[in-house]
Amino acid sequence: MFKRILSKYLLLWLTITCLFGASWSVLFGDDCYNPFLVSPKFMAGLISVTMLAVGSLLPYEQVKQVAHSWPKTLGGTAIHIFRCRCWRFAWRSFSISRAGTLLA
């Protein structure tokens, strides 16, 4: 029962809370107490609990599929990190047009 309700309304709940947190200062002004800025440790824990809730909604077949393709996932992550570091090096070393030509 709980898993069904959570999976049905989780995206809506996350969207509403993100919009609420992003528009806090617009709704209540800058002088008002902002819990999203004052308590970063609490927010980090809350984000961790949210990610655990999202992960618990995955069907067992998807977890097996992710475990099966783990080498591809790690390889893609390594390629992405290497590409980002190359882009940063090119950005610092060359002009923008040269960096784009170099990386293309």
N, C-alpha and C. Protein backbone atom coordinates (compact mmCIF):
# COMPACT_ATOMS: atom_id res chain seq x y z
N MET A 1 0.82 -1.19 0.00
CA MET A 1 0.00 0.00 0.00
C MET A 1 0.87 1.26 0.00
N PHE A 2 1.82 1.31 0.97
CA PHE A 2 2.67 2.49 1.08
C PHE A 2 3.54 2.66 -0.16
N LYS A 3 4.09 1.55 -0.67
CA LYS A 3 4.96 1.62 -1.85
C LYS A 3 4.18 2.09 -3.06
N ARG A 4 2.94 1.66 -3.18
CA ARG A 4 2.12 2.08 -4.31
C ARG A 4 1.82 3.58 -4.25
N ILE A 5 1.47 4.08 -3.08
CA ILE A 5 1.19 5.50 -2.92
C ILE A 5 2.46 6.32 -3.13
N LEU A 6 3.57 5.84 -2.56
CA LEU A 6 4.84 6.54 -2.70
C LEU A 6 5.26 6.61 -4.17
N SER A 7 5.15 5.49 -4.88
CA SER A 7 5.55 5.49 -6.28
C SER A 7 4.62 6.33 -7.14
N LYS A 8 3.38 6.44 -6.75
CA LYS A 8 2.42 7.21 -7.54
C LYS A 8 2.62 8.71 -7.38
N TYR A 9 2.93 9.16 -6.17
CA TYR A 9 2.99 10.60 -5.91
C TYR A 9 4.38 11.14 -5.61
N LEU A 10 5.43 10.32 -5.72
CA LEU A 10 6.76 10.78 -5.36
C LEU A 10 7.26 11.89 -6.27
N LEU A 11 7.08 11.74 -7.57
CA LEU A 11 7.53 12.77 -8.50
C LEU A 11 6.81 14.09 -8.25
N LEU A 12 5.52 14.03 -8.00
CA LEU A 12 4.75 15.23 -7.69
C LEU A 12 5.26 15.88 -6.40
N TRP A 13 5.47 15.07 -5.36
CA TRP A 13 5.94 15.58 -4.08
C TRP A 13 7.33 16.22 -4.22
N LEU A 14 8.24 15.59 -4.94
CA LEU A 14 9.57 16.14 -5.13
C LEU A 14 9.53 17.44 -5.93
N THR A 15 8.69 17.50 -6.94
CA THR A 15 8.56 18.71 -7.75
C THR A 15 8.01 19.86 -6.92
N ILE A 16 7.00 19.60 -6.13
CA ILE A 16 6.40 20.65 -5.30
C ILE A 16 7.39 21.16 -4.27
N THR A 17 8.12 20.26 -3.61
CA THR A 17 9.08 20.72 -2.60
C THR A 17 10.26 21.45 -3.22
N CYS A 18 10.69 21.04 -4.40
CA CYS A 18 11.78 21.78 -5.08
C CYS A 18 11.33 23.18 -5.47
N LEU A 19 10.14 23.29 -6.02
CA LEU A 19 9.63 24.62 -6.37
C LEU A 19 9.44 25.48 -5.13
N PHE A 20 8.97 24.88 -4.06
CA PHE A 20 8.78 25.62 -2.81
C PHE A 20 10.11 26.12 -2.27
N GLY A 21 11.13 25.25 -2.28
CA GLY A 21 12.45 25.67 -1.80
C GLY A 21 13.09 26.72 -2.69
N ALA A 22 12.89 26.63 -4.00
CA ALA A 22 13.48 27.60 -4.91
C ALA A 22 12.81 28.97 -4.82
N SER A 23 11.52 28.98 -4.50
CA SER A 23 10.80 30.26 -4.43
C SER A 23 10.57 30.74 -3.01
N TRP A 24 11.28 30.22 -2.04
CA TRP A 24 11.09 30.59 -0.64
C TRP A 24 11.27 32.09 -0.43
N SER A 25 12.38 32.65 -0.93
CA SER A 25 12.63 34.08 -0.69
C SER A 25 11.65 34.96 -1.45
N VAL A 26 11.12 34.49 -2.57
CA VAL A 26 10.12 35.26 -3.31
C VAL A 26 8.80 35.26 -2.54
N LEU A 27 8.44 34.11 -1.97
CA LEU A 27 7.17 34.00 -1.25
C LEU A 27 7.19 34.72 0.09
N PHE A 28 8.29 34.60 0.83
CA PHE A 28 8.32 35.11 2.20
C PHE A 28 9.29 36.27 2.41
N GLY A 29 10.06 36.63 1.41
CA GLY A 29 11.00 37.74 1.52
C GLY A 29 12.35 37.28 2.04
N ASP A 30 13.34 38.14 1.88
CA ASP A 30 14.71 37.80 2.29
C ASP A 30 14.90 37.87 3.80
N ASP A 31 14.05 38.63 4.49
CA ASP A 31 14.21 38.79 5.93
C ASP A 31 13.67 37.59 6.71
N CYS A 32 12.87 36.79 6.10
CA CYS A 32 12.26 35.64 6.77
C CYS A 32 13.27 34.51 6.94
N TYR A 33 13.07 33.71 7.96
CA TYR A 33 13.91 32.54 8.23
C TYR A 33 13.82 31.58 7.05
N ASN A 34 14.97 31.19 6.50
CA ASN A 34 15.00 30.28 5.36
C ASN A 34 15.62 28.95 5.79
N PRO A 35 14.81 27.93 6.02
CA PRO A 35 15.37 26.65 6.47
C PRO A 35 16.22 25.96 5.42
N PHE A 36 16.08 26.32 4.16
CA PHE A 36 16.86 25.68 3.11
C PHE A 36 18.31 26.17 3.10
N LEU A 37 18.55 27.36 3.63
CA LEU A 37 19.90 27.90 3.69
C LEU A 37 20.55 27.72 5.05
N VAL A 38 19.75 27.66 6.10
CA VAL A 38 20.27 27.62 7.47
C VAL A 38 20.72 26.21 7.87
N SER A 39 20.11 25.20 7.33
CA SER A 39 20.40 23.84 7.80
C SER A 39 20.92 22.94 6.69
N PRO A 40 22.14 23.18 6.19
CA PRO A 40 22.64 22.33 5.10
C PRO A 40 22.88 20.88 5.52
N LYS A 41 23.25 20.65 6.79
CA LYS A 41 23.47 19.27 7.22
C LYS A 41 22.15 18.50 7.25
N PHE A 42 21.11 19.13 7.70
CA PHE A 42 19.80 18.49 7.72
C PHE A 42 19.31 18.23 6.31
N MET A 43 19.55 19.18 5.41
CA MET A 43 19.11 19.01 4.02
C MET A 43 19.88 17.88 3.34
N ALA A 44 21.16 17.73 3.66
CA ALA A 44 21.93 16.63 3.08
C ALA A 44 21.36 15.29 3.52
N GLY A 45 20.99 15.19 4.78
CA GLY A 45 20.37 13.96 5.27
C GLY A 45 19.01 13.71 4.64
N LEU A 46 18.25 14.77 4.46
CA LEU A 46 16.94 14.64 3.84
C LEU A 46 17.06 14.21 2.38
N ILE A 47 18.05 14.74 1.68
CA ILE A 47 18.29 14.33 0.30
C ILE A 47 18.69 12.86 0.25
N SER A 48 19.50 12.42 1.20
CA SER A 48 19.90 11.01 1.25
C SER A 48 18.69 10.10 1.48
N VAL A 49 17.81 10.49 2.37
CA VAL A 49 16.61 9.70 2.63
C VAL A 49 15.72 9.67 1.39
N THR A 50 15.63 10.80 0.69
CA THR A 50 14.82 10.86 -0.53
C THR A 50 15.40 9.94 -1.60
N MET A 51 16.71 9.95 -1.77
CA MET A 51 17.33 9.07 -2.76
C MET A 51 17.14 7.60 -2.38
N LEU A 52 17.17 7.29 -1.09
CA LEU A 52 16.91 5.93 -0.65
C LEU A 52 15.48 5.52 -0.98
N ALA A 53 14.54 6.46 -0.79
CA ALA A 53 13.14 6.17 -1.11
C ALA A 53 12.96 5.93 -2.61
N VAL A 54 13.61 6.74 -3.43
CA VAL A 54 13.52 6.56 -4.87
C VAL A 54 14.15 5.23 -5.28
N GLY A 55 15.29 4.89 -4.69
CA GLY A 55 15.94 3.63 -5.00
C GLY A 55 15.13 2.42 -4.56
N SER A 56 14.39 2.56 -3.48
CA SER A 56 13.59 1.43 -3.01
C SER A 56 12.41 1.14 -3.93
N LEU A 57 12.08 2.07 -4.81
CA LEU A 57 10.97 1.86 -5.72
C LEU A 57 11.36 1.10 -6.98
N LEU A 58 12.67 0.87 -7.17
CA LEU A 58 13.13 0.15 -8.36
C LEU A 58 12.71 -1.31 -8.29
N PRO A 59 12.18 -1.83 -9.37
CA PRO A 59 11.88 -3.27 -9.40
C PRO A 59 13.18 -4.08 -9.39
N TYR A 60 13.10 -5.32 -8.92
CA TYR A 60 14.26 -6.19 -8.81
C TYR A 60 14.92 -6.42 -10.16
N GLU A 61 14.15 -6.48 -11.23
CA GLU A 61 14.71 -6.71 -12.56
C GLU A 61 15.62 -5.56 -12.98
N GLN A 62 15.24 -4.33 -12.63
CA GLN A 62 16.09 -3.19 -12.99
C GLN A 62 17.38 -3.18 -12.18
N VAL A 63 17.31 -3.60 -10.93
CA VAL A 63 18.52 -3.68 -10.11
C VAL A 63 19.47 -4.72 -10.69
N LYS A 64 18.94 -5.87 -11.14
CA LYS A 64 19.76 -6.89 -11.78
C LYS A 64 20.37 -6.37 -13.08
N GLN A 65 19.60 -5.58 -13.83
CA GLN A 65 20.10 -5.04 -15.10
C GLN A 65 21.24 -4.06 -14.85
N VAL A 66 21.12 -3.23 -13.83
CA VAL A 66 22.18 -2.27 -13.50
C VAL A 66 23.43 -3.02 -13.05
N ALA A 67 23.26 -4.06 -12.22
CA ALA A 67 24.41 -4.85 -11.76
C ALA A 67 25.08 -5.56 -12.93
N HIS A 68 24.30 -5.99 -13.90
CA HIS A 68 24.85 -6.68 -15.07
C HIS A 68 25.65 -5.72 -15.96
N SER A 69 25.21 -4.49 -16.08
CA SER A 69 25.89 -3.53 -16.96
C SER A 69 26.81 -2.60 -16.19
N TRP A 70 27.25 -3.02 -15.00
CA TRP A 70 28.10 -2.16 -14.18
C TRP A 70 29.42 -1.80 -14.86
N PRO A 71 30.11 -2.71 -15.56
CA PRO A 71 31.35 -2.30 -16.26
C PRO A 71 31.12 -1.20 -17.30
N LYS A 72 30.00 -1.28 -18.01
CA LYS A 72 29.69 -0.22 -18.99
C LYS A 72 29.45 1.10 -18.28
N THR A 73 28.79 1.05 -17.13
CA THR A 73 28.51 2.27 -16.37
C THR A 73 29.81 2.91 -15.89
N LEU A 74 30.70 2.11 -15.34
CA LEU A 74 31.98 2.65 -14.88
C LEU A 74 32.82 3.16 -16.04
N GLY A 75 32.81 2.45 -17.16
CA GLY A 75 33.55 2.92 -18.34
C GLY A 75 33.01 4.22 -18.88
N GLY A 76 31.69 4.35 -18.94
CA GLY A 76 31.09 5.60 -19.40
C GLY A 76 31.39 6.76 -18.47
N THR A 77 31.38 6.48 -17.16
CA THR A 77 31.71 7.53 -16.19
C THR A 77 33.16 7.96 -16.34
N ALA A 78 34.07 7.01 -16.53
CA ALA A 78 35.49 7.35 -16.71
C ALA A 78 35.70 8.17 -17.97
N ILE A 79 35.04 7.81 -19.05
CA ILE A 79 35.15 8.57 -20.29
C ILE A 79 34.61 9.99 -20.10
N HIS A 80 33.50 10.11 -19.40
CA HIS A 80 32.91 11.43 -19.16
C HIS A 80 33.85 12.31 -18.32
N ILE A 81 34.43 11.74 -17.28
CA ILE A 81 35.35 12.51 -16.43
C ILE A 81 36.57 12.94 -17.23
N PHE A 82 37.13 12.03 -18.03
CA PHE A 82 38.29 12.35 -18.85
C PHE A 82 37.95 13.46 -19.85
N ARG A 83 36.78 13.38 -20.48
CA ARG A 83 36.36 14.38 -21.45
C ARG A 83 36.19 15.74 -20.79
N CYS A 84 35.62 15.77 -19.58
CA CYS A 84 35.45 17.04 -18.88
C CYS A 84 36.79 17.65 -18.51
N ARG A 85 37.73 16.81 -18.10
CA ARG A 85 39.06 17.34 -17.78
C ARG A 85 39.78 17.87 -19.02
N CYS A 86 39.60 17.20 -20.15
CA CYS A 86 40.16 17.70 -21.41
C CYS A 86 39.54 19.03 -21.79
N TRP A 87 38.23 19.14 -21.62
CA TRP A 87 37.54 20.38 -21.94
C TRP A 87 38.04 21.51 -21.05
N ARG A 88 38.23 21.23 -19.75
CA ARG A 88 38.74 22.26 -18.85
C ARG A 88 40.14 22.68 -19.24
N PHE A 89 41.00 21.73 -19.59
CA PHE A 89 42.36 22.05 -20.02
C PHE A 89 42.33 22.90 -21.29
N ALA A 90 41.48 22.50 -22.24
CA ALA A 90 41.41 23.24 -23.49
C ALA A 90 40.85 24.64 -23.26
N TRP A 91 39.89 24.75 -22.37
CA TRP A 91 39.28 26.05 -22.07
C TRP A 91 40.31 27.00 -21.48
N ARG A 92 41.17 26.50 -20.59
CA ARG A 92 42.17 27.34 -19.95
C ARG A 92 43.34 27.63 -20.89
N SER A 93 43.66 26.69 -21.78
CA SER A 93 44.87 26.82 -22.58
C SER A 93 44.65 27.57 -23.89
N PHE A 94 43.50 27.42 -24.50
CA PHE A 94 43.26 27.96 -25.82
C PHE A 94 42.08 28.92 -25.79
N SER A 95 41.89 29.60 -26.89
CA SER A 95 40.68 30.41 -27.01
C SER A 95 39.48 29.48 -27.20
N ILE A 96 38.29 30.03 -27.11
CA ILE A 96 37.08 29.19 -27.20
C ILE A 96 36.98 28.51 -28.56
N SER A 97 37.30 29.23 -29.64
CA SER A 97 37.15 28.62 -30.97
C SER A 97 38.15 27.49 -31.15
N ARG A 98 39.37 27.67 -30.67
CA ARG A 98 40.35 26.59 -30.78
C ARG A 98 39.97 25.39 -29.93
N ALA A 99 39.44 25.66 -28.75
CA ALA A 99 39.05 24.57 -27.87
C ALA A 99 37.93 23.74 -28.48
N GLY A 100 36.97 24.40 -29.11
CA GLY A 100 35.89 23.68 -29.76
C GLY A 100 36.38 22.84 -30.92
N THR A 101 37.31 23.37 -31.70
CA THR A 101 37.88 22.63 -32.81
C THR A 101 38.71 21.46 -32.31
N LEU A 102 39.45 21.69 -31.25
CA LEU A 102 40.30 20.64 -30.69
C LEU A 102 39.48 19.47 -30.16
N LEU A 103 38.39 19.76 -29.47
CA LEU A 103 37.59 18.69 -28.87
C LEU A 103 36.62 18.04 -29.84
N ALA A 104 36.28 18.74 -30.91
CA ALA A 104 35.37 18.16 -31.89
C ALA A 104 36.10 17.12 -32.69
